[in-house]
């Protein structure tokens, strides 16, 4: 997963854990992630959550992609914060699984909530483990 998602890798993000229906992705907010207001760009947080989503939905064994996603930002992430996106499959419908991702800072502050629906292509993949 980390080798194949070049966008997330270039943004300094990585999947650190994958289990059946569960995944964690992490990043530390760096200068490159800041917007004009000096806080972490929402798109960086979205990408982190989307990476965790992708790992969790693909951990089910088949190639899957997001067909719908929303994010709610609870508070700003700032330079130096270490962010963790924890994704859980909350609906295991065979074709359209549902996933929730919670993004937190290292002190437990709830940064964002991301909800998404996947589309299961029913094509086997090999993303069930970190490589």
N, C-alpha and C. Protein backbone atom coordinates (compact mmCIF):
# COMPACT_ATOMS: atom_id res chain seq x y z
N UNK A 1 0.84 -1.19 0.00
CA UNK A 1 0.00 0.00 0.00
C UNK A 1 0.88 1.24 0.00
N UNK A 2 1.89 1.28 0.89
CA UNK A 2 2.75 2.46 0.95
C UNK A 2 3.55 2.66 -0.34
N UNK A 3 3.99 1.58 -0.95
CA UNK A 3 4.77 1.70 -2.18
C UNK A 3 3.91 2.16 -3.36
N UNK A 4 2.63 1.81 -3.35
CA UNK A 4 1.78 2.09 -4.51
C UNK A 4 1.05 3.42 -4.44
N UNK A 5 0.88 4.02 -3.27
CA UNK A 5 0.20 5.30 -3.17
C UNK A 5 1.26 6.41 -3.18
N UNK A 6 1.66 6.78 -4.36
CA UNK A 6 2.74 7.76 -4.52
C UNK A 6 2.35 9.14 -4.00
N UNK A 7 1.10 9.55 -4.17
CA UNK A 7 0.67 10.87 -3.71
C UNK A 7 0.83 10.98 -2.20
N UNK A 8 0.29 10.02 -1.47
CA UNK A 8 0.40 10.05 -0.01
C UNK A 8 1.86 9.96 0.43
N UNK A 9 2.64 9.13 -0.23
CA UNK A 9 4.05 9.01 0.11
C UNK A 9 4.80 10.31 -0.08
N UNK A 10 4.53 10.99 -1.19
CA UNK A 10 5.17 12.28 -1.45
C UNK A 10 4.73 13.35 -0.45
N UNK A 11 3.56 13.15 0.16
CA UNK A 11 3.06 14.10 1.15
C UNK A 11 3.52 13.75 2.57
N UNK A 12 4.35 12.71 2.71
CA UNK A 12 4.89 12.36 4.02
C UNK A 12 3.95 11.52 4.87
N UNK A 13 3.06 10.79 4.24
CA UNK A 13 2.08 9.96 4.95
C UNK A 13 2.38 8.49 4.71
N UNK A 14 2.03 7.65 5.70
CA UNK A 14 2.24 6.21 5.54
C UNK A 14 1.20 5.43 6.32
N UNK A 15 0.84 4.28 5.79
CA UNK A 15 0.01 3.32 6.51
C UNK A 15 0.93 2.60 7.48
N UNK A 16 0.55 2.54 8.76
CA UNK A 16 1.40 1.90 9.76
C UNK A 16 0.80 0.61 10.32
N UNK A 17 -0.49 0.37 10.03
CA UNK A 17 -1.12 -0.86 10.50
C UNK A 17 -2.30 -1.20 9.60
N UNK A 18 -2.43 -2.48 9.29
CA UNK A 18 -3.59 -2.98 8.54
C UNK A 18 -4.00 -4.31 9.15
N UNK A 19 -5.30 -4.42 9.45
CA UNK A 19 -5.92 -5.67 9.88
C UNK A 19 -7.21 -5.79 9.09
N UNK A 20 -7.92 -6.86 9.28
CA UNK A 20 -9.19 -7.05 8.59
C UNK A 20 -10.17 -5.95 8.98
N UNK A 21 -10.50 -5.09 8.02
CA UNK A 21 -11.47 -4.03 8.26
C UNK A 21 -10.98 -2.88 9.12
N UNK A 22 -9.68 -2.72 9.22
CA UNK A 22 -9.09 -1.73 10.13
C UNK A 22 -7.74 -1.29 9.58
N UNK A 23 -7.44 -0.01 9.72
CA UNK A 23 -6.12 0.48 9.30
C UNK A 23 -5.79 1.78 10.02
N UNK A 24 -4.49 2.04 10.11
CA UNK A 24 -3.99 3.29 10.67
C UNK A 24 -3.01 3.90 9.68
N UNK A 25 -3.14 5.21 9.47
CA UNK A 25 -2.18 5.97 8.66
C UNK A 25 -1.72 7.15 9.51
N UNK A 26 -0.47 7.57 9.31
CA UNK A 26 0.09 8.62 10.14
C UNK A 26 0.90 9.63 9.33
N UNK A 27 1.01 10.82 9.89
CA UNK A 27 1.86 11.88 9.33
C UNK A 27 2.17 12.89 10.42
N UNK A 28 3.25 13.61 10.24
CA UNK A 28 3.57 14.74 11.10
C UNK A 28 3.40 16.01 10.26
N UNK A 29 2.69 16.98 10.80
CA UNK A 29 2.44 18.23 10.08
C UNK A 29 3.76 18.99 9.92
N UNK A 30 4.15 19.20 8.66
CA UNK A 30 5.38 19.90 8.32
C UNK A 30 5.03 21.20 7.60
N UNK A 31 6.04 22.02 7.35
CA UNK A 31 5.85 23.29 6.63
C UNK A 31 5.08 23.07 5.33
N UNK A 32 5.38 22.01 4.60
CA UNK A 32 4.73 21.75 3.31
C UNK A 32 3.23 21.49 3.43
N UNK A 33 2.75 21.21 4.63
CA UNK A 33 1.33 20.94 4.85
C UNK A 33 0.53 22.17 5.24
N UNK A 34 1.21 23.30 5.47
CA UNK A 34 0.53 24.50 5.98
C UNK A 34 -0.14 25.30 4.87
N UNK A 35 -1.29 25.88 5.21
CA UNK A 35 -1.97 26.77 4.27
C UNK A 35 -1.56 28.21 4.54
N UNK A 36 -2.17 29.16 3.86
CA UNK A 36 -1.81 30.57 4.00
C UNK A 36 -2.09 31.11 5.39
N UNK A 37 -2.97 30.44 6.14
CA UNK A 37 -3.27 30.87 7.50
C UNK A 37 -2.33 30.29 8.54
N UNK A 38 -1.38 29.47 8.10
CA UNK A 38 -0.39 28.91 9.01
C UNK A 38 -0.83 27.66 9.74
N UNK A 39 -1.95 27.06 9.33
CA UNK A 39 -2.40 25.80 9.92
C UNK A 39 -2.40 24.73 8.83
N UNK A 40 -2.56 23.49 9.24
CA UNK A 40 -2.52 22.38 8.29
C UNK A 40 -3.65 22.51 7.27
N UNK A 41 -3.29 22.42 6.01
CA UNK A 41 -4.24 22.46 4.90
C UNK A 41 -5.26 21.32 5.07
N UNK A 42 -6.53 21.65 4.90
CA UNK A 42 -7.57 20.63 5.01
C UNK A 42 -7.36 19.48 4.05
N UNK A 43 -6.81 19.78 2.88
CA UNK A 43 -6.56 18.73 1.90
C UNK A 43 -5.54 17.71 2.38
N UNK A 44 -4.58 18.15 3.21
CA UNK A 44 -3.60 17.21 3.76
C UNK A 44 -4.28 16.27 4.75
N UNK A 45 -5.15 16.81 5.58
CA UNK A 45 -5.88 15.97 6.54
C UNK A 45 -6.81 15.03 5.79
N UNK A 46 -7.48 15.52 4.76
CA UNK A 46 -8.36 14.68 3.94
C UNK A 46 -7.56 13.54 3.32
N UNK A 47 -6.37 13.84 2.77
CA UNK A 47 -5.55 12.81 2.14
C UNK A 47 -5.13 11.75 3.15
N UNK A 48 -4.77 12.17 4.37
CA UNK A 48 -4.41 11.21 5.41
C UNK A 48 -5.59 10.29 5.73
N UNK A 49 -6.76 10.88 5.91
CA UNK A 49 -7.96 10.08 6.19
C UNK A 49 -8.29 9.15 5.03
N UNK A 50 -8.15 9.65 3.82
CA UNK A 50 -8.44 8.85 2.63
C UNK A 50 -7.45 7.68 2.51
N UNK A 51 -6.21 7.88 2.89
CA UNK A 51 -5.22 6.80 2.87
C UNK A 51 -5.61 5.71 3.86
N UNK A 52 -6.01 6.09 5.06
CA UNK A 52 -6.46 5.10 6.06
C UNK A 52 -7.70 4.38 5.56
N UNK A 53 -8.63 5.13 4.97
CA UNK A 53 -9.82 4.52 4.36
C UNK A 53 -9.42 3.47 3.35
N UNK A 54 -8.52 3.83 2.43
CA UNK A 54 -8.11 2.92 1.35
C UNK A 54 -7.51 1.64 1.92
N UNK A 55 -6.68 1.77 2.94
CA UNK A 55 -6.07 0.59 3.53
C UNK A 55 -7.12 -0.29 4.19
N UNK A 56 -8.06 0.31 4.92
CA UNK A 56 -9.10 -0.47 5.60
C UNK A 56 -10.03 -1.16 4.62
N UNK A 57 -10.50 -0.44 3.61
CA UNK A 57 -11.45 -1.03 2.67
C UNK A 57 -10.78 -2.11 1.81
N UNK A 58 -9.53 -1.90 1.47
CA UNK A 58 -8.82 -2.90 0.68
C UNK A 58 -8.35 -4.08 1.52
N UNK A 59 -8.34 -3.94 2.84
CA UNK A 59 -7.98 -5.06 3.71
C UNK A 59 -9.00 -6.18 3.65
N UNK A 60 -10.16 -5.89 3.10
CA UNK A 60 -11.21 -6.90 2.99
C UNK A 60 -10.89 -7.92 1.90
N UNK A 61 -9.85 -7.66 1.11
CA UNK A 61 -9.38 -8.66 0.16
C UNK A 61 -9.54 -8.34 -1.31
N UNK A 62 -10.43 -7.41 -1.64
CA UNK A 62 -10.64 -7.05 -3.04
C UNK A 62 -10.29 -5.59 -3.27
N UNK A 63 -9.95 -5.27 -4.50
CA UNK A 63 -9.66 -3.91 -4.89
C UNK A 63 -10.92 -3.07 -4.71
N UNK A 64 -10.79 -1.96 -3.99
CA UNK A 64 -11.94 -1.09 -3.71
C UNK A 64 -11.50 0.36 -3.75
N UNK A 65 -12.44 1.21 -4.11
CA UNK A 65 -12.19 2.65 -4.21
C UNK A 65 -13.34 3.39 -3.55
N UNK A 66 -13.11 4.64 -3.17
CA UNK A 66 -14.17 5.48 -2.60
C UNK A 66 -15.09 5.95 -3.71
N UNK A 67 -16.39 5.92 -3.43
CA UNK A 67 -17.35 6.51 -4.36
C UNK A 67 -18.05 7.71 -3.73
N UNK A 68 -17.87 7.88 -2.43
CA UNK A 68 -18.45 9.02 -1.74
C UNK A 68 -17.67 9.21 -0.44
N UNK A 69 -17.36 10.45 -0.11
CA UNK A 69 -16.69 10.69 1.17
C UNK A 69 -16.98 12.11 1.64
N UNK A 70 -17.01 12.26 2.95
CA UNK A 70 -17.20 13.57 3.56
C UNK A 70 -16.25 13.68 4.74
N UNK A 71 -15.89 14.90 5.07
CA UNK A 71 -15.03 15.12 6.22
C UNK A 71 -15.56 16.31 7.02
N UNK A 72 -15.45 16.21 8.32
CA UNK A 72 -15.81 17.30 9.22
C UNK A 72 -14.56 17.63 10.04
N UNK A 73 -14.12 18.87 9.97
CA UNK A 73 -12.94 19.31 10.71
C UNK A 73 -13.39 19.86 12.06
N UNK A 74 -12.91 19.26 13.14
CA UNK A 74 -13.30 19.69 14.48
C UNK A 74 -12.42 20.80 15.02
N UNK A 75 -11.14 20.72 14.73
CA UNK A 75 -10.19 21.75 15.18
C UNK A 75 -8.98 21.73 14.25
N UNK A 76 -8.22 22.80 14.28
CA UNK A 76 -7.06 22.92 13.38
C UNK A 76 -5.90 22.04 13.84
N UNK A 77 -5.17 21.53 12.86
CA UNK A 77 -3.91 20.83 13.14
C UNK A 77 -2.79 21.84 12.87
N UNK A 78 -1.78 21.81 13.72
CA UNK A 78 -0.71 22.81 13.63
C UNK A 78 0.64 22.16 13.38
N UNK A 79 1.57 22.99 12.96
CA UNK A 79 2.93 22.57 12.67
C UNK A 79 3.49 21.73 13.81
N UNK A 80 4.06 20.56 13.46
CA UNK A 80 4.68 19.68 14.44
C UNK A 80 3.77 18.63 15.03
N UNK A 81 2.45 18.79 14.86
CA UNK A 81 1.53 17.79 15.39
C UNK A 81 1.69 16.47 14.63
N UNK A 82 1.66 15.39 15.39
CA UNK A 82 1.66 14.06 14.76
C UNK A 82 0.20 13.61 14.69
N UNK A 83 -0.27 13.35 13.48
CA UNK A 83 -1.67 12.96 13.26
C UNK A 83 -1.78 11.48 12.97
N UNK A 84 -2.81 10.87 13.54
CA UNK A 84 -3.11 9.46 13.31
C UNK A 84 -4.54 9.36 12.81
N UNK A 85 -4.71 8.69 11.68
CA UNK A 85 -6.04 8.43 11.11
C UNK A 85 -6.35 6.96 11.32
N UNK A 86 -7.38 6.69 12.11
CA UNK A 86 -7.79 5.32 12.42
C UNK A 86 -9.08 5.01 11.68
N UNK A 87 -9.00 4.04 10.78
CA UNK A 87 -10.15 3.68 9.93
C UNK A 87 -10.73 2.34 10.36
N UNK A 88 -12.07 2.29 10.40
CA UNK A 88 -12.77 1.05 10.71
C UNK A 88 -13.90 0.85 9.71
N UNK A 89 -14.02 -0.37 9.20
CA UNK A 89 -15.16 -0.71 8.36
C UNK A 89 -16.35 -0.84 9.30
N UNK A 90 -17.39 -0.05 9.06
CA UNK A 90 -18.57 -0.08 9.94
C UNK A 90 -19.78 -0.70 9.24
N UNK A 91 -19.66 -0.97 7.96
CA UNK A 91 -20.71 -1.64 7.20
C UNK A 91 -20.07 -2.54 6.15
N UNK A 92 -20.26 -3.82 6.27
CA UNK A 92 -19.58 -4.77 5.38
C UNK A 92 -20.47 -5.27 4.25
N UNK A 93 -21.27 -4.38 3.67
CA UNK A 93 -22.04 -4.79 2.52
C UNK A 93 -21.06 -5.25 1.44
N UNK A 94 -21.35 -6.36 0.76
CA UNK A 94 -20.39 -6.94 -0.18
C UNK A 94 -19.92 -5.99 -1.29
N UNK A 95 -20.80 -5.19 -1.82
CA UNK A 95 -20.43 -4.32 -2.94
C UNK A 95 -20.10 -2.90 -2.50
N UNK A 96 -20.74 -2.42 -1.42
CA UNK A 96 -20.61 -1.02 -1.00
C UNK A 96 -20.30 -0.91 0.50
N UNK A 97 -19.07 -1.23 0.91
CA UNK A 97 -18.73 -1.14 2.33
C UNK A 97 -18.67 0.32 2.81
N UNK A 98 -18.95 0.51 4.09
CA UNK A 98 -18.90 1.85 4.71
C UNK A 98 -17.75 1.88 5.71
N UNK A 99 -17.04 3.01 5.72
CA UNK A 99 -15.86 3.15 6.57
C UNK A 99 -15.92 4.48 7.30
N UNK A 100 -15.51 4.49 8.56
CA UNK A 100 -15.38 5.72 9.33
C UNK A 100 -13.91 5.87 9.72
N UNK A 101 -13.40 7.09 9.60
CA UNK A 101 -12.01 7.39 9.95
C UNK A 101 -12.01 8.54 10.95
N UNK A 102 -11.30 8.34 12.05
CA UNK A 102 -11.14 9.39 13.05
C UNK A 102 -9.68 9.85 13.01
N UNK A 103 -9.47 11.14 12.84
CA UNK A 103 -8.12 11.71 12.82
C UNK A 103 -7.89 12.41 14.16
N UNK A 104 -6.81 12.00 14.83
CA UNK A 104 -6.47 12.59 16.13
C UNK A 104 -5.03 13.07 16.14
N UNK A 105 -4.75 14.00 17.04
CA UNK A 105 -3.38 14.45 17.29
C UNK A 105 -2.76 13.57 18.36
N UNK A 106 -1.45 13.70 18.57
CA UNK A 106 -0.74 12.84 19.51
C UNK A 106 -1.25 12.98 20.94
N UNK A 107 -1.88 14.10 21.28
CA UNK A 107 -2.41 14.28 22.64
C UNK A 107 -3.86 13.82 22.76
N UNK A 108 -4.40 13.21 21.68
CA UNK A 108 -5.77 12.70 21.71
C UNK A 108 -6.81 13.67 21.18
N UNK A 109 -6.40 14.89 20.86
CA UNK A 109 -7.34 15.87 20.32
C UNK A 109 -7.96 15.33 19.04
N UNK A 110 -9.28 15.41 18.97
CA UNK A 110 -10.03 14.94 17.80
C UNK A 110 -9.96 16.03 16.72
N UNK A 111 -9.23 15.76 15.65
CA UNK A 111 -9.01 16.74 14.59
C UNK A 111 -10.12 16.70 13.54
N UNK A 112 -10.50 15.49 13.09
CA UNK A 112 -11.48 15.38 12.01
C UNK A 112 -12.17 14.01 12.03
N UNK A 113 -13.35 13.98 11.43
CA UNK A 113 -14.08 12.73 11.21
C UNK A 113 -14.37 12.62 9.72
N UNK A 114 -14.02 11.48 9.15
CA UNK A 114 -14.16 11.23 7.72
C UNK A 114 -15.04 9.99 7.56
N UNK A 115 -16.06 10.09 6.74
CA UNK A 115 -16.93 8.95 6.45
C UNK A 115 -16.91 8.71 4.96
N UNK A 116 -16.86 7.44 4.57
CA UNK A 116 -16.80 7.13 3.14
C UNK A 116 -17.50 5.83 2.83
N UNK A 117 -17.90 5.72 1.59
CA UNK A 117 -18.47 4.49 1.07
C UNK A 117 -17.55 4.01 -0.03
N UNK A 118 -17.23 2.73 0.02
CA UNK A 118 -16.37 2.15 -1.00
C UNK A 118 -17.17 1.43 -2.07
N UNK A 119 -16.49 1.16 -3.15
CA UNK A 119 -17.05 0.33 -4.22
C UNK A 119 -16.10 -0.84 -4.40
N UNK A 120 -16.58 -2.04 -4.11
CA UNK A 120 -15.78 -3.25 -4.17
C UNK A 120 -15.78 -3.78 -5.60
N UNK A 121 -14.59 -3.79 -6.22
CA UNK A 121 -14.45 -4.23 -7.60
C UNK A 121 -14.46 -5.76 -7.74
N UNK A 122 -14.40 -6.47 -6.62
CA UNK A 122 -14.34 -7.94 -6.63
C UNK A 122 -13.17 -8.48 -7.45
N UNK A 123 -12.09 -7.72 -7.43
CA UNK A 123 -10.83 -8.13 -8.04
C UNK A 123 -9.86 -8.29 -6.87
N UNK A 124 -9.30 -9.48 -6.65
CA UNK A 124 -8.40 -9.67 -5.51
C UNK A 124 -7.21 -8.71 -5.55
N UNK A 125 -6.80 -8.25 -4.36
CA UNK A 125 -5.61 -7.42 -4.23
C UNK A 125 -4.69 -8.04 -3.19
N UNK A 126 -3.56 -7.42 -2.96
CA UNK A 126 -2.61 -7.92 -1.95
C UNK A 126 -2.32 -6.85 -0.90
N UNK A 127 -3.32 -6.05 -0.55
CA UNK A 127 -3.11 -4.96 0.40
C UNK A 127 -3.45 -5.35 1.83
N UNK A 128 -3.54 -6.62 2.14
CA UNK A 128 -3.92 -7.02 3.49
C UNK A 128 -2.76 -6.96 4.48
N UNK A 129 -1.57 -6.63 3.98
CA UNK A 129 -0.41 -6.51 4.87
C UNK A 129 0.49 -5.38 4.40
N UNK A 130 1.24 -4.82 5.32
CA UNK A 130 2.20 -3.78 4.95
C UNK A 130 3.39 -4.44 4.27
N UNK A 131 3.92 -3.77 3.27
CA UNK A 131 5.08 -4.31 2.56
C UNK A 131 6.20 -3.32 2.59
